[in-house]
Amino acid sequence: MSKWDKLIQRILTLPNDVRFEELKAILEYYGYQMKGPGSGSSHVTFRKEGHNPITVPKHRHIKKVYVAMVQKVVEEEMKNENS
């Protein structure tokens, strides 16, 4: 199993120790573009045309609620790939 496959499987299990860089890699792979934080903010927004924006804090460990948002993206993209 490749590193990418392991990362996707890891996100699908909603772990507690996901790093920002991992979520960023997944979202960018699926075509989301990152917009840096505004003045004084620690959150970045990922946007993709036709999809809701996803805002994630740029912290060391990400809370499960943000991982769940990215998990939905992965599940939708996997469903679209298999269609």
N, C-alpha and C. Protein backbone atom coordinates (compact mmCIF):
# COMPACT_ATOMS: atom_id res chain seq x y z
N MET A 1 0.85 -1.17 0.00
CA MET A 1 0.00 0.00 0.00
C MET A 1 0.90 1.24 0.00
N SER A 2 0.60 2.19 -0.86
CA SER A 2 1.42 3.40 -0.98
C SER A 2 1.17 4.35 0.19
N LYS A 3 2.05 5.34 0.33
CA LYS A 3 1.89 6.35 1.37
C LYS A 3 0.55 7.08 1.21
N TRP A 4 0.20 7.36 -0.04
CA TRP A 4 -1.06 8.06 -0.31
C TRP A 4 -2.25 7.22 0.14
N ASP A 5 -2.26 5.95 -0.21
CA ASP A 5 -3.35 5.06 0.20
C ASP A 5 -3.45 4.97 1.72
N LYS A 6 -2.31 4.93 2.39
CA LYS A 6 -2.31 4.88 3.85
C LYS A 6 -2.89 6.16 4.44
N LEU A 7 -2.55 7.30 3.84
CA LEU A 7 -3.07 8.57 4.32
C LEU A 7 -4.58 8.63 4.13
N ILE A 8 -5.07 8.21 2.98
CA ILE A 8 -6.52 8.22 2.72
C ILE A 8 -7.24 7.30 3.70
N GLN A 9 -6.71 6.11 3.91
CA GLN A 9 -7.33 5.17 4.85
C GLN A 9 -7.32 5.75 6.26
N ARG A 10 -6.26 6.44 6.60
CA ARG A 10 -6.15 7.06 7.93
C ARG A 10 -7.22 8.14 8.12
N ILE A 11 -7.43 8.97 7.12
CA ILE A 11 -8.45 10.02 7.21
C ILE A 11 -9.84 9.41 7.34
N LEU A 12 -10.07 8.32 6.65
CA LEU A 12 -11.39 7.67 6.69
C LEU A 12 -11.72 7.09 8.06
N THR A 13 -10.71 6.90 8.91
CA THR A 13 -10.95 6.37 10.26
C THR A 13 -11.12 7.46 11.31
N LEU A 14 -11.07 8.73 10.90
CA LEU A 14 -11.21 9.89 11.80
C LEU A 14 -10.26 9.83 13.00
N PRO A 15 -8.97 9.81 12.75
CA PRO A 15 -8.02 9.77 13.88
C PRO A 15 -7.97 11.09 14.63
N ASN A 16 -7.40 11.06 15.81
CA ASN A 16 -7.26 12.25 16.65
C ASN A 16 -5.97 13.03 16.39
N ASP A 17 -5.05 12.46 15.65
CA ASP A 17 -3.73 13.07 15.52
C ASP A 17 -3.36 13.47 14.09
N VAL A 18 -4.30 14.04 13.37
CA VAL A 18 -4.05 14.46 11.99
C VAL A 18 -3.36 15.82 12.01
N ARG A 19 -2.37 15.97 11.16
CA ARG A 19 -1.65 17.25 11.05
C ARG A 19 -2.23 18.08 9.91
N PHE A 20 -2.05 19.38 10.00
CA PHE A 20 -2.54 20.29 8.98
C PHE A 20 -1.96 19.93 7.61
N GLU A 21 -0.69 19.58 7.55
CA GLU A 21 -0.04 19.27 6.28
C GLU A 21 -0.70 18.09 5.58
N GLU A 22 -1.20 17.14 6.35
CA GLU A 22 -1.87 15.97 5.76
C GLU A 22 -3.20 16.38 5.13
N LEU A 23 -3.97 17.21 5.85
CA LEU A 23 -5.25 17.66 5.28
C LEU A 23 -5.01 18.54 4.06
N LYS A 24 -4.00 19.37 4.12
CA LYS A 24 -3.66 20.24 3.00
C LYS A 24 -3.32 19.41 1.76
N ALA A 25 -2.52 18.38 1.93
CA ALA A 25 -2.14 17.52 0.80
C ALA A 25 -3.35 16.86 0.17
N ILE A 26 -4.27 16.40 0.99
CA ILE A 26 -5.47 15.73 0.47
C ILE A 26 -6.34 16.72 -0.29
N LEU A 27 -6.61 17.86 0.31
CA LEU A 27 -7.48 18.84 -0.34
C LEU A 27 -6.88 19.37 -1.64
N GLU A 28 -5.59 19.63 -1.64
CA GLU A 28 -4.95 20.10 -2.87
C GLU A 28 -4.96 19.02 -3.95
N TYR A 29 -4.82 17.77 -3.56
CA TYR A 29 -4.87 16.68 -4.53
C TYR A 29 -6.22 16.65 -5.23
N TYR A 30 -7.29 16.94 -4.48
CA TYR A 30 -8.63 16.93 -5.05
C TYR A 30 -9.03 18.26 -5.66
N GLY A 31 -8.09 19.16 -5.87
CA GLY A 31 -8.35 20.38 -6.61
C GLY A 31 -8.73 21.60 -5.80
N TYR A 32 -8.65 21.53 -4.49
CA TYR A 32 -8.93 22.69 -3.66
C TYR A 32 -7.71 23.59 -3.63
N GLN A 33 -7.94 24.89 -3.62
CA GLN A 33 -6.85 25.86 -3.55
C GLN A 33 -6.87 26.53 -2.18
N MET A 34 -5.70 26.67 -1.59
CA MET A 34 -5.60 27.23 -0.26
C MET A 34 -5.48 28.75 -0.33
N LYS A 35 -6.24 29.42 0.50
CA LYS A 35 -6.13 30.86 0.65
C LYS A 35 -5.63 31.10 2.06
N GLY A 36 -4.52 31.81 2.17
CA GLY A 36 -3.88 32.03 3.46
C GLY A 36 -4.76 32.76 4.46
N PRO A 37 -4.35 32.73 5.70
CA PRO A 37 -5.14 33.37 6.75
C PRO A 37 -5.16 34.89 6.59
N GLY A 38 -6.25 35.48 7.04
CA GLY A 38 -6.34 36.94 7.05
C GLY A 38 -5.46 37.49 8.16
N SER A 39 -5.53 38.74 8.36
CA SER A 39 -4.66 39.36 9.36
C SER A 39 -4.99 38.83 10.75
N GLY A 40 -4.01 38.23 11.37
CA GLY A 40 -4.16 37.73 12.73
C GLY A 40 -4.89 36.41 12.88
N SER A 41 -5.35 35.84 11.80
CA SER A 41 -6.10 34.59 11.88
C SER A 41 -5.17 33.39 11.75
N SER A 42 -5.55 32.31 12.38
CA SER A 42 -4.77 31.08 12.26
C SER A 42 -5.50 30.05 11.39
N HIS A 43 -6.55 30.47 10.70
CA HIS A 43 -7.34 29.56 9.86
C HIS A 43 -7.07 29.84 8.39
N VAL A 44 -7.02 28.78 7.61
CA VAL A 44 -6.90 28.91 6.16
C VAL A 44 -8.16 28.32 5.53
N THR A 45 -8.51 28.83 4.36
CA THR A 45 -9.69 28.36 3.66
C THR A 45 -9.28 27.69 2.37
N PHE A 46 -9.87 26.53 2.12
CA PHE A 46 -9.65 25.79 0.88
C PHE A 46 -10.90 25.93 0.04
N ARG A 47 -10.71 26.31 -1.22
CA ARG A 47 -11.85 26.53 -2.11
C ARG A 47 -11.69 25.71 -3.39
N LYS A 48 -12.85 25.25 -3.87
CA LYS A 48 -12.92 24.55 -5.15
C LYS A 48 -14.24 24.95 -5.78
N GLU A 49 -14.19 25.33 -7.03
CA GLU A 49 -15.39 25.78 -7.72
C GLU A 49 -16.48 24.71 -7.65
N GLY A 50 -17.68 25.15 -7.29
CA GLY A 50 -18.81 24.23 -7.22
C GLY A 50 -18.93 23.49 -5.91
N HIS A 51 -18.04 23.76 -4.96
CA HIS A 51 -18.06 23.09 -3.66
C HIS A 51 -18.02 24.13 -2.55
N ASN A 52 -18.51 23.74 -1.40
CA ASN A 52 -18.45 24.62 -0.24
C ASN A 52 -17.00 24.80 0.20
N PRO A 53 -16.62 26.00 0.63
CA PRO A 53 -15.27 26.20 1.14
C PRO A 53 -15.08 25.44 2.46
N ILE A 54 -13.85 25.06 2.71
CA ILE A 54 -13.51 24.35 3.94
C ILE A 54 -12.46 25.19 4.66
N THR A 55 -12.78 25.60 5.88
CA THR A 55 -11.86 26.40 6.69
C THR A 55 -11.28 25.50 7.77
N VAL A 56 -9.94 25.51 7.85
CA VAL A 56 -9.22 24.64 8.78
C VAL A 56 -8.20 25.47 9.55
N PRO A 57 -8.09 25.27 10.86
CA PRO A 57 -7.06 25.98 11.61
C PRO A 57 -5.68 25.40 11.29
N LYS A 58 -4.72 26.26 11.23
CA LYS A 58 -3.36 25.83 10.90
C LYS A 58 -2.63 25.53 12.21
N HIS A 59 -3.03 24.44 12.85
CA HIS A 59 -2.46 24.03 14.12
C HIS A 59 -1.71 22.71 13.91
N ARG A 60 -1.02 22.31 14.93
CA ARG A 60 -0.26 21.07 14.85
C ARG A 60 -1.19 19.86 14.72
N HIS A 61 -2.15 19.76 15.61
CA HIS A 61 -3.13 18.67 15.55
C HIS A 61 -4.50 19.28 15.29
N ILE A 62 -5.24 18.65 14.41
CA ILE A 62 -6.53 19.17 13.97
C ILE A 62 -7.65 18.43 14.70
N LYS A 63 -8.67 19.18 15.12
CA LYS A 63 -9.82 18.56 15.79
C LYS A 63 -10.60 17.70 14.81
N LYS A 64 -11.31 16.73 15.39
CA LYS A 64 -12.04 15.76 14.58
C LYS A 64 -13.09 16.41 13.67
N VAL A 65 -13.69 17.51 14.08
CA VAL A 65 -14.72 18.14 13.28
C VAL A 65 -14.15 18.58 11.92
N TYR A 66 -12.91 19.02 11.89
CA TYR A 66 -12.27 19.43 10.65
C TYR A 66 -11.85 18.22 9.82
N VAL A 67 -11.41 17.19 10.51
CA VAL A 67 -11.04 15.94 9.81
C VAL A 67 -12.28 15.35 9.16
N ALA A 68 -13.43 15.45 9.83
CA ALA A 68 -14.68 14.92 9.28
C ALA A 68 -15.07 15.64 8.00
N MET A 69 -14.80 16.96 7.92
CA MET A 69 -15.10 17.70 6.70
C MET A 69 -14.26 17.19 5.53
N VAL A 70 -13.00 16.93 5.81
CA VAL A 70 -12.11 16.43 4.76
C VAL A 70 -12.48 14.98 4.43
N GLN A 71 -12.90 14.23 5.42
CA GLN A 71 -13.34 12.86 5.18
C GLN A 71 -14.50 12.84 4.19
N LYS A 72 -15.44 13.78 4.32
CA LYS A 72 -16.57 13.86 3.38
C LYS A 72 -16.07 14.12 1.96
N VAL A 73 -15.08 15.00 1.84
CA VAL A 73 -14.52 15.30 0.52
C VAL A 73 -13.93 14.03 -0.08
N VAL A 74 -13.16 13.30 0.70
CA VAL A 74 -12.52 12.07 0.21
C VAL A 74 -13.59 11.06 -0.21
N GLU A 75 -14.62 10.89 0.61
CA GLU A 75 -15.68 9.93 0.28
C GLU A 75 -16.40 10.32 -1.00
N GLU A 76 -16.70 11.62 -1.17
CA GLU A 76 -17.37 12.08 -2.38
C GLU A 76 -16.49 11.86 -3.61
N GLU A 77 -15.21 12.19 -3.49
CA GLU A 77 -14.29 12.03 -4.62
C GLU A 77 -14.12 10.55 -4.98
N MET A 78 -14.05 9.69 -3.97
CA MET A 78 -13.91 8.25 -4.24
C MET A 78 -15.16 7.74 -4.93
N LYS A 79 -16.33 8.23 -4.52
CA LYS A 79 -17.58 7.83 -5.13
C LYS A 79 -17.62 8.27 -6.59
N ASN A 80 -17.16 9.50 -6.85
CA ASN A 80 -17.12 10.02 -8.23
C ASN A 80 -16.14 9.25 -9.10
N GLU A 81 -15.01 8.83 -8.51
CA GLU A 81 -14.02 8.06 -9.27
C GLU A 81 -14.56 6.69 -9.65
N ASN A 82 -15.39 6.12 -8.80
CA ASN A 82 -15.91 4.77 -9.04
C ASN A 82 -17.16 4.78 -9.91
N SER A 83 -17.70 5.95 -10.20
CA SER A 83 -18.92 6.03 -11.03
C SER A 83 -18.62 5.92 -12.50
